[in-house]
N, C-alpha and C. Protein backbone atom coordinates (compact mmCIF):
# COMPACT_ATOMS: atom_id res chain seq x y z
N MET A 1 -50.21 33.86 -9.69
CA MET A 1 -51.03 32.75 -10.14
C MET A 1 -52.40 33.27 -10.57
N THR A 2 -52.84 32.85 -11.72
CA THR A 2 -54.12 33.28 -12.25
C THR A 2 -55.24 32.40 -11.71
N LYS A 3 -56.28 33.04 -11.22
CA LYS A 3 -57.44 32.29 -10.75
C LYS A 3 -58.35 32.01 -11.95
N ARG A 4 -58.98 30.84 -11.92
CA ARG A 4 -59.92 30.47 -12.98
C ARG A 4 -61.29 30.24 -12.35
N PHE A 5 -62.32 30.62 -13.11
CA PHE A 5 -63.68 30.50 -12.63
C PHE A 5 -64.55 29.80 -13.67
N CYS A 6 -65.53 29.07 -13.20
CA CYS A 6 -66.47 28.38 -14.07
C CYS A 6 -67.27 29.42 -14.84
N ASP A 7 -67.39 29.22 -16.15
CA ASP A 7 -68.14 30.15 -16.99
C ASP A 7 -69.65 30.09 -16.75
N LEU A 8 -70.10 29.08 -16.04
CA LEU A 8 -71.54 28.96 -15.77
C LEU A 8 -71.91 29.41 -14.37
N CYS A 9 -71.31 28.80 -13.36
CA CYS A 9 -71.68 29.12 -11.97
C CYS A 9 -70.77 30.16 -11.33
N GLU A 10 -69.66 30.46 -11.99
CA GLU A 10 -68.68 31.46 -11.54
C GLU A 10 -67.93 31.08 -10.27
N LYS A 11 -67.98 29.81 -9.87
CA LYS A 11 -67.19 29.36 -8.73
C LYS A 11 -65.74 29.17 -9.17
N GLU A 12 -64.82 29.37 -8.23
CA GLU A 12 -63.40 29.23 -8.56
C GLU A 12 -63.07 27.77 -8.83
N ILE A 13 -62.26 27.56 -9.86
CA ILE A 13 -61.77 26.23 -10.21
C ILE A 13 -60.35 26.13 -9.67
N HIS A 14 -60.13 25.22 -8.74
CA HIS A 14 -58.84 25.11 -8.08
C HIS A 14 -57.87 24.22 -8.84
N ASN A 15 -58.36 23.22 -9.51
CA ASN A 15 -57.51 22.28 -10.24
C ASN A 15 -57.82 22.40 -11.72
N LEU A 16 -56.91 22.99 -12.48
CA LEU A 16 -57.13 23.22 -13.91
C LEU A 16 -57.41 21.93 -14.67
N GLN A 17 -56.89 20.82 -14.19
CA GLN A 17 -57.12 19.53 -14.85
C GLN A 17 -58.55 19.05 -14.68
N GLU A 18 -59.32 19.70 -13.85
CA GLU A 18 -60.72 19.32 -13.64
C GLU A 18 -61.68 20.27 -14.34
N THR A 19 -61.23 20.90 -15.41
CA THR A 19 -62.12 21.77 -16.17
C THR A 19 -62.66 21.02 -17.37
N TYR A 20 -63.81 21.45 -17.83
CA TYR A 20 -64.49 20.83 -18.96
C TYR A 20 -64.87 21.92 -19.95
N ARG A 21 -65.11 21.52 -21.19
CA ARG A 21 -65.56 22.44 -22.22
C ARG A 21 -66.78 21.83 -22.88
N VAL A 22 -67.79 22.66 -23.12
CA VAL A 22 -69.00 22.20 -23.77
C VAL A 22 -69.21 23.01 -25.03
N CYS A 23 -69.48 22.32 -26.11
CA CYS A 23 -69.73 22.99 -27.38
C CYS A 23 -70.87 22.27 -28.09
N VAL A 24 -71.90 23.00 -28.43
CA VAL A 24 -73.02 22.45 -29.19
C VAL A 24 -73.01 23.13 -30.55
N GLU A 25 -72.87 22.33 -31.59
CA GLU A 25 -72.76 22.88 -32.94
C GLU A 25 -73.93 22.43 -33.80
N SER A 26 -74.23 23.24 -34.78
CA SER A 26 -75.25 22.85 -35.75
C SER A 26 -74.58 22.09 -36.89
N ASN A 27 -75.37 21.46 -37.70
CA ASN A 27 -74.88 20.81 -38.91
C ASN A 27 -74.86 21.85 -40.03
N ALA A 28 -74.13 22.93 -39.81
CA ALA A 28 -74.15 24.08 -40.70
C ALA A 28 -73.66 23.78 -42.11
N SER A 29 -72.86 22.74 -42.27
CA SER A 29 -72.34 22.47 -43.61
C SER A 29 -73.46 22.18 -44.60
N ILE A 30 -74.57 21.62 -44.15
CA ILE A 30 -75.68 21.38 -45.06
C ILE A 30 -76.46 22.66 -45.34
N TYR A 31 -76.25 23.67 -44.52
CA TYR A 31 -76.93 24.95 -44.71
C TYR A 31 -75.95 26.06 -45.07
N ALA A 32 -74.83 25.70 -45.67
CA ALA A 32 -73.75 26.66 -45.92
C ALA A 32 -74.20 27.86 -46.74
N SER A 33 -75.22 27.70 -47.55
CA SER A 33 -75.67 28.81 -48.39
C SER A 33 -76.55 29.79 -47.62
N ASN A 34 -76.96 29.43 -46.42
CA ASN A 34 -77.84 30.29 -45.62
C ASN A 34 -77.01 31.04 -44.57
N PRO A 35 -76.80 32.35 -44.74
CA PRO A 35 -75.97 33.10 -43.79
C PRO A 35 -76.60 33.27 -42.41
N ASP A 36 -77.90 32.97 -42.28
CA ASP A 36 -78.58 33.14 -40.99
C ASP A 36 -78.34 31.97 -40.04
N ILE A 37 -77.81 30.87 -40.55
CA ILE A 37 -77.55 29.71 -39.71
C ILE A 37 -76.21 29.91 -38.99
N VAL A 38 -76.24 29.77 -37.69
CA VAL A 38 -75.04 29.96 -36.87
C VAL A 38 -74.36 28.60 -36.69
N ASP A 39 -73.04 28.56 -36.88
CA ASP A 39 -72.29 27.31 -36.76
C ASP A 39 -72.27 26.79 -35.32
N VAL A 40 -72.01 27.67 -34.38
CA VAL A 40 -71.90 27.27 -32.98
C VAL A 40 -73.05 27.89 -32.20
N ILE A 41 -73.83 27.05 -31.59
CA ILE A 41 -74.97 27.52 -30.80
C ILE A 41 -74.50 27.86 -29.39
N VAL A 42 -73.71 26.98 -28.80
CA VAL A 42 -73.20 27.18 -27.44
C VAL A 42 -71.73 26.77 -27.43
N ASP A 43 -70.91 27.60 -26.85
CA ASP A 43 -69.50 27.25 -26.67
C ASP A 43 -69.05 27.83 -25.34
N VAL A 44 -68.92 26.97 -24.36
CA VAL A 44 -68.53 27.39 -23.02
C VAL A 44 -67.17 26.79 -22.74
N GLY A 45 -66.18 27.65 -22.52
CA GLY A 45 -64.79 27.22 -22.44
C GLY A 45 -64.36 26.51 -21.19
N GLU A 46 -64.65 27.04 -20.02
CA GLU A 46 -64.19 26.42 -18.78
C GLU A 46 -65.38 26.18 -17.85
N ILE A 47 -65.58 24.92 -17.56
CA ILE A 47 -66.71 24.53 -16.72
C ILE A 47 -66.18 23.66 -15.59
N CYS A 48 -66.69 23.89 -14.39
CA CYS A 48 -66.29 23.10 -13.23
C CYS A 48 -66.92 21.70 -13.31
N PRO A 49 -66.38 20.75 -12.55
CA PRO A 49 -66.92 19.39 -12.58
C PRO A 49 -68.41 19.31 -12.22
N ALA A 50 -68.86 20.12 -11.28
CA ALA A 50 -70.28 20.08 -10.86
C ALA A 50 -71.19 20.50 -12.00
N CYS A 51 -70.83 21.57 -12.72
CA CYS A 51 -71.65 22.02 -13.85
C CYS A 51 -71.59 21.03 -15.00
N ALA A 52 -70.41 20.43 -15.23
CA ALA A 52 -70.27 19.42 -16.28
C ALA A 52 -71.18 18.23 -15.99
N LYS A 53 -71.25 17.84 -14.73
CA LYS A 53 -72.11 16.72 -14.34
C LYS A 53 -73.58 17.08 -14.55
N ARG A 54 -73.96 18.32 -14.22
CA ARG A 54 -75.34 18.75 -14.42
C ARG A 54 -75.71 18.78 -15.90
N ILE A 55 -74.78 19.23 -16.74
CA ILE A 55 -75.04 19.25 -18.19
C ILE A 55 -75.18 17.82 -18.71
N HIS A 56 -74.29 16.95 -18.28
CA HIS A 56 -74.36 15.55 -18.69
C HIS A 56 -75.71 14.94 -18.30
N GLN A 57 -76.13 15.17 -17.06
CA GLN A 57 -77.40 14.61 -16.59
C GLN A 57 -78.58 15.18 -17.37
N THR A 58 -78.52 16.46 -17.69
CA THR A 58 -79.60 17.09 -18.48
C THR A 58 -79.70 16.46 -19.86
N VAL A 59 -78.56 16.23 -20.50
CA VAL A 59 -78.57 15.59 -21.82
C VAL A 59 -79.13 14.18 -21.72
N GLN A 60 -78.73 13.44 -20.68
CA GLN A 60 -79.26 12.09 -20.49
C GLN A 60 -80.77 12.13 -20.28
N ASP A 61 -81.25 13.10 -19.52
CA ASP A 61 -82.69 13.25 -19.30
C ASP A 61 -83.42 13.57 -20.60
N LEU A 62 -82.83 14.42 -21.43
CA LEU A 62 -83.43 14.74 -22.72
C LEU A 62 -83.52 13.51 -23.61
N LYS A 63 -82.47 12.69 -23.60
CA LYS A 63 -82.49 11.45 -24.36
C LYS A 63 -83.61 10.54 -23.86
N LEU A 64 -83.71 10.41 -22.55
CA LEU A 64 -84.74 9.56 -21.96
C LEU A 64 -86.13 10.09 -22.31
N ASP A 65 -86.32 11.40 -22.21
CA ASP A 65 -87.60 12.00 -22.58
C ASP A 65 -87.93 11.70 -24.04
N GLY A 66 -86.92 11.75 -24.90
CA GLY A 66 -87.13 11.45 -26.32
C GLY A 66 -87.53 10.01 -26.54
N LEU A 67 -86.91 9.10 -25.80
CA LEU A 67 -87.26 7.68 -25.92
C LEU A 67 -88.67 7.44 -25.42
N VAL A 68 -89.01 8.04 -24.29
CA VAL A 68 -90.35 7.87 -23.73
C VAL A 68 -91.38 8.50 -24.67
N CYS A 69 -91.08 9.69 -25.16
CA CYS A 69 -91.99 10.38 -26.06
C CYS A 69 -92.16 9.57 -27.34
N GLY A 70 -91.07 9.05 -27.89
CA GLY A 70 -91.14 8.26 -29.11
C GLY A 70 -91.99 7.02 -28.95
N ALA A 71 -91.95 6.41 -27.76
CA ALA A 71 -92.75 5.22 -27.49
C ALA A 71 -94.22 5.55 -27.35
N LYS A 72 -94.55 6.81 -27.03
CA LYS A 72 -95.93 7.21 -26.82
C LYS A 72 -96.51 8.01 -27.97
N MET A 73 -95.80 8.07 -29.10
CA MET A 73 -96.27 8.89 -30.21
C MET A 73 -97.65 8.42 -30.66
N ASP A 74 -98.52 9.39 -30.85
CA ASP A 74 -99.88 9.10 -31.32
C ASP A 74 -100.28 10.22 -32.26
N GLY A 75 -100.28 9.95 -33.54
CA GLY A 75 -100.66 10.96 -34.51
C GLY A 75 -99.66 12.10 -34.61
N GLY A 76 -98.36 11.82 -34.35
CA GLY A 76 -97.33 12.83 -34.49
C GLY A 76 -97.17 13.73 -33.28
N GLN A 77 -97.89 13.49 -32.21
CA GLN A 77 -97.78 14.33 -31.01
C GLN A 77 -97.41 13.46 -29.83
N CYS A 78 -96.52 13.99 -29.01
CA CYS A 78 -96.14 13.28 -27.79
C CYS A 78 -97.14 13.63 -26.70
N GLU A 79 -97.56 12.61 -25.97
CA GLU A 79 -98.54 12.85 -24.90
C GLU A 79 -97.90 13.50 -23.71
């Protein structure tokens, strides 16, 4: 039996059905003529539920920060 480990925290994943994958991509198609633009910024294949939850919470926090920042915009700068 092959053991699987989280690509982020390296803890063993006991139930393969509880793995997650995270991929953050750029909108590279609009920059197709620029070879310096990378299509995939982050691609993590196997993530445990705890790390997936942390990533989800971080994204939600970033969204909230963006909403708060957008509401406080003053002269193009966030306070």
